[in-house]
C-alpha atoms as a PDB file:
ATOM      1  CA  UNK A   1       0.000   0.000   0.000  1.00  0.00           C
ATOM      2  CA  UNK A   2       2.740   2.495   0.911  1.00  0.00           C
ATOM      3  CA  UNK A   3       5.188   1.900  -1.948  1.00  0.00           C
ATOM      4  CA  UNK A   4       2.604   0.770  -4.511  1.00  0.00           C
ATOM      5  CA  UNK A   5       2.326  -2.474  -6.432  1.00  0.00           C
ATOM      6  CA  UNK A   6       4.697  -1.025  -9.030  1.00  0.00           C
ATOM      7  CA  UNK A   7       7.301  -0.007  -6.409  1.00  0.00           C
ATOM      8  CA  UNK A   8       6.982   3.661  -7.449  1.00  0.00           C
ATOM      9  CA  UNK A   9       6.548   4.955  -3.895  1.00  0.00           C
ATOM     10  CA  UNK A  10       4.566   8.069  -3.048  1.00  0.00           C
ATOM     11  CA  UNK A  11       5.398  11.771  -3.093  1.00  0.00           C
ATOM     12  CA  UNK A  12       3.790  14.685  -1.321  1.00  0.00           C
ATOM     13  CA  UNK A  13       2.245  17.573  -3.255  1.00  0.00           C
ATOM     14  CA  UNK A  14       5.614  19.334  -2.806  1.00  0.00           C
ATOM     15  CA  UNK A  15       7.321  16.353  -4.550  1.00  0.00           C
ATOM     16  CA  UNK A  16       9.039  15.169  -1.357  1.00  0.00           C
ATOM     17  CA  UNK A  17       9.334  11.397  -1.083  1.00  0.00           C
ATOM     18  CA  UNK A  18       6.898  10.156   1.543  1.00  0.00           C
ATOM     19  CA  UNK A  19       7.518   6.489   0.700  1.00  0.00           C
ATOM     20  CA  UNK A  20      10.619   5.937  -1.461  1.00  0.00           C
ATOM     21  CA  UNK A  21      10.741   4.265  -4.844  1.00  0.00           C
ATOM     22  CA  UNK A  22      11.776   0.623  -4.399  1.00  0.00           C
ATOM     23  CA  UNK A  23      12.996  -0.178  -7.917  1.00  0.00           C
ATOM     24  CA  UNK A  24      13.335   1.393 -11.325  1.00  0.00           C
ATOM     25  CA  UNK A  25      15.224   4.446 -12.542  1.00  0.00           C
ATOM     26  CA  UNK A  26      14.422   6.633  -9.513  1.00  0.00           C
ATOM     27  CA  UNK A  27      15.300   4.062  -6.844  1.00  0.00           C
ATOM     28  CA  UNK A  28      18.581   3.485  -5.004  1.00  0.00           C
ATOM     29  CA  UNK A  29      21.370   2.235  -7.257  1.00  0.00           C
ATOM     30  CA  UNK A  30      23.131  -1.137  -7.315  1.00  0.00           C
ATOM     31  CA  UNK A  31      25.956   0.273  -5.175  1.00  0.00           C
ATOM     32  CA  UNK A  32      23.706   1.237  -2.253  1.00  0.00           C
ATOM     33  CA  UNK A  33      23.744  -0.742   0.968  1.00  0.00           C
ATOM     34  CA  UNK A  34      20.048  -1.624   0.539  1.00  0.00           C
ATOM     35  CA  UNK A  35      20.922  -3.702  -2.542  1.00  0.00           C
ATOM     36  CA  UNK A  36      22.304  -6.282  -0.109  1.00  0.00           C
ATOM     37  CA  UNK A  37      19.439  -8.621   0.680  1.00  0.00           C
ATOM     38  CA  UNK A  38      20.517  -8.967   4.322  1.00  0.00           C
ATOM     39  CA  UNK A  39      20.618  -5.192   4.858  1.00  0.00           C
ATOM     40  CA  UNK A  40      17.243  -4.727   3.197  1.00  0.00           C
ATOM     41  CA  UNK A  41      15.714  -7.598   5.214  1.00  0.00           C
ATOM     42  CA  UNK A  42      16.979  -6.097   8.484  1.00  0.00           C
ATOM     43  CA  UNK A  43      15.519  -2.706   7.517  1.00  0.00           C
ATOM     44  CA  UNK A  44      12.164  -4.246   6.565  1.00  0.00           C
ATOM     45  CA  UNK A  45      12.058  -6.235   9.808  1.00  0.00           C
ATOM     46  CA  UNK A  46      12.823  -3.172  11.953  1.00  0.00           C
ATOM     47  CA  UNK A  47      10.650  -0.619  10.147  1.00  0.00           C
ATOM     48  CA  UNK A  48       7.730  -2.239   8.363  1.00  0.00           C
ATOM     49  CA  UNK A  49       4.876  -2.148   8.005  1.00  0.00           C
ATOM     50  CA  UNK A  50       4.226   1.476   8.863  1.00  0.00           C
ATOM     51  CA  UNK A  51       2.984   1.686  12.436  1.00  0.00           C
ATOM     52  CA  UNK A  52       3.802  -1.961  13.196  1.00  0.00           C
ATOM     53  CA  UNK A  53       7.588  -2.279  12.909  1.00  0.00           C
ATOM     54  CA  UNK A  54       8.994  -5.715  13.655  1.00  0.00           C
ATOM     55  CA  UNK A  55       5.766  -7.419  12.674  1.00  0.00           C
ATOM     56  CA  UNK A  56       7.007  -9.463   9.717  1.00  0.00           C
ATOM     57  CA  UNK A  57       8.703 -12.740  10.532  1.00  0.00           C
ATOM     58  CA  UNK A  58      12.376 -13.066   9.631  1.00  0.00           C
ATOM     59  CA  UNK A  59      11.373 -15.136   6.592  1.00  0.00           C
ATOM     60  CA  UNK A  60       8.796 -12.561   5.463  1.00  0.00           C
ATOM     61  CA  UNK A  61      11.375  -9.766   5.778  1.00  0.00           C
ATOM     62  CA  UNK A  62      13.853 -11.774   3.679  1.00  0.00           C
ATOM     63  CA  UNK A  63      11.147 -12.540   1.099  1.00  0.00           C
ATOM     64  CA  UNK A  64      10.251  -8.842   0.783  1.00  0.00           C
ATOM     65  CA  UNK A  65      13.934  -7.872   0.486  1.00  0.00           C
ATOM     66  CA  UNK A  66      14.593 -10.503  -2.183  1.00  0.00           C
ATOM     67  CA  UNK A  67      11.500  -9.423  -4.143  1.00  0.00           C
ATOM     68  CA  UNK A  68      12.498  -5.745  -3.934  1.00  0.00           C
ATOM     69  CA  UNK A  69      16.094  -6.422  -4.954  1.00  0.00           C
ATOM     70  CA  UNK A  70      15.106  -8.696  -7.838  1.00  0.00           C
ATOM     71  CA  UNK A  71      14.004  -5.647  -9.842  1.00  0.00           C
ATOM     72  CA  UNK A  72      16.199  -3.455 -12.011  1.00  0.00           C
ATOM     73  CA  UNK A  73      17.583  -0.217 -10.630  1.00  0.00           C
ATOM     74  CA  UNK A  74      20.224   2.353 -11.608  1.00  0.00           C
ATOM     75  CA  UNK A  75      23.713   1.080 -12.326  1.00  0.00           C
ATOM     76  CA  UNK A  76      26.350   0.800  -9.596  1.00  0.00           C
ATOM     77  CA  UNK A  77      28.458   3.990  -9.728  1.00  0.00           C
ATOM     78  CA  UNK A  78      31.547   1.759  -9.349  1.00  0.00           C
ATOM     79  CA  UNK A  79      30.696   0.149 -12.707  1.00  0.00           C
ATOM     80  CA  UNK A  80      33.922  -1.091 -14.311  1.00  0.00           C
ATOM     81  CA  UNK A  81      32.701  -1.001 -17.918  1.00  0.00           C
ATOM     82  CA  UNK A  82      31.515  -4.584 -17.623  1.00  0.00           C
ATOM     83  CA  UNK A  83      28.595  -5.950 -15.634  1.00  0.00           C
ATOM     84  CA  UNK A  84      30.535  -9.180 -15.080  1.00  0.00           C
ATOM     85  CA  UNK A  85      33.621  -7.288 -13.881  1.00  0.00           C
ATOM     86  CA  UNK A  86      31.521  -5.141 -11.556  1.00  0.00           C
ATOM     87  CA  UNK A  87      29.816  -8.269 -10.186  1.00  0.00           C
ATOM     88  CA  UNK A  88      33.183  -9.923  -9.563  1.00  0.00           C
ATOM     89  CA  UNK A  89      34.651  -6.804  -7.925  1.00  0.00           C
ATOM     90  CA  UNK A  90      31.699  -5.692  -5.781  1.00  0.00           C
ATOM     91  CA  UNK A  91      28.777  -8.132  -5.861  1.00  0.00           C
ATOM     92  CA  UNK A  92      30.233 -11.647  -5.801  1.00  0.00           C
ATOM     93  CA  UNK A  93      27.984 -13.003  -3.062  1.00  0.00           C
ATOM     94  CA  UNK A  94      24.599 -14.613  -2.610  1.00  0.00           C
ATOM     95  CA  UNK A  95      23.531 -11.376  -0.883  1.00  0.00           C
ATOM     96  CA  UNK A  96      23.313  -9.447  -4.183  1.00  0.00           C
ATOM     97  CA  UNK A  97      21.030  -9.884  -7.178  1.00  0.00           C
ATOM     98  CA  UNK A  98      23.381  -7.815  -9.379  1.00  0.00           C
ATOM     99  CA  UNK A  99      24.467  -9.913 -12.359  1.00  0.00           C
ATOM    100  CA  UNK A 100      21.898 -12.618 -11.691  1.00  0.00           C
ATOM    101  CA  UNK A 101      19.117 -13.564 -14.071  1.00  0.00           C
ATOM    102  CA  UNK A 102      15.563 -12.845 -12.946  1.00  0.00           C
ATOM    103  CA  UNK A 103      12.576 -13.463 -15.223  1.00  0.00           C
ATOM    104  CA  UNK A 104      14.864 -13.815 -18.246  1.00  0.00           C
ATOM    105  CA  UNK A 105      16.779 -10.559 -17.639  1.00  0.00           C
ATOM    106  CA  UNK A 106      20.197 -10.096 -16.050  1.00  0.00           C
ATOM    107  CA  UNK A 107      20.008  -7.506 -13.279  1.00  0.00           C
ATOM    108  CA  UNK A 108      22.572  -4.726 -13.592  1.00  0.00           C
ATOM    109  CA  UNK A 109      23.097  -5.245 -17.321  1.00  0.00           C
ATOM    110  CA  UNK A 110      21.722  -1.771 -18.074  1.00  0.00           C
ATOM    111  CA  UNK A 111      25.098  -0.320 -19.078  1.00  0.00           C
ATOM    112  CA  UNK A 112      27.048   2.588 -17.651  1.00  0.00           C
ATOM    113  CA  UNK A 113      25.696   4.686 -14.784  1.00  0.00           C
ATOM    114  CA  UNK A 114      23.615   7.675 -15.738  1.00  0.00           C
ATOM    115  CA  UNK A 115      25.155  11.047 -14.927  1.00  0.00           C
ATOM    116  CA  UNK A 116      24.044  12.660 -11.700  1.00  0.00           C
ATOM    117  CA  UNK A 117      21.091  14.974 -12.180  1.00  0.00           C
ATOM    118  CA  UNK A 118      19.498  17.462  -9.849  1.00  0.00           C
ATOM    119  CA  UNK A 119      15.884  16.835  -8.976  1.00  0.00           C
ATOM    120  CA  UNK A 120      13.625  19.639 -10.093  1.00  0.00           C
ATOM    121  CA  UNK A 121      10.925  20.758  -7.746  1.00  0.00           C
END
């Protein structure tokens, strides 16, 4: 309900993020700490759902984190010019979906990072 079925989050009328985007081009990038399934699961467990933090079981928190991190997001800013090289250098663990195939698409294969852009309000 908070982040939407499409993971797009919610913004206030002033365009401030009320509930952040969970995946897609406006979400955290592949280099962020939340891209680690364990970090995301711990955050979900401690903070969700709104008003009832700690309610999901450990397994439910891990399931939510895996689902969230199985979607595409902006490239890792440490991108080496190769998704495979970046996976080997920074994501070579079971705790990252970067470089893994999900629903027929390899996550993180989107090419070079996009240049930083200021958000317009």
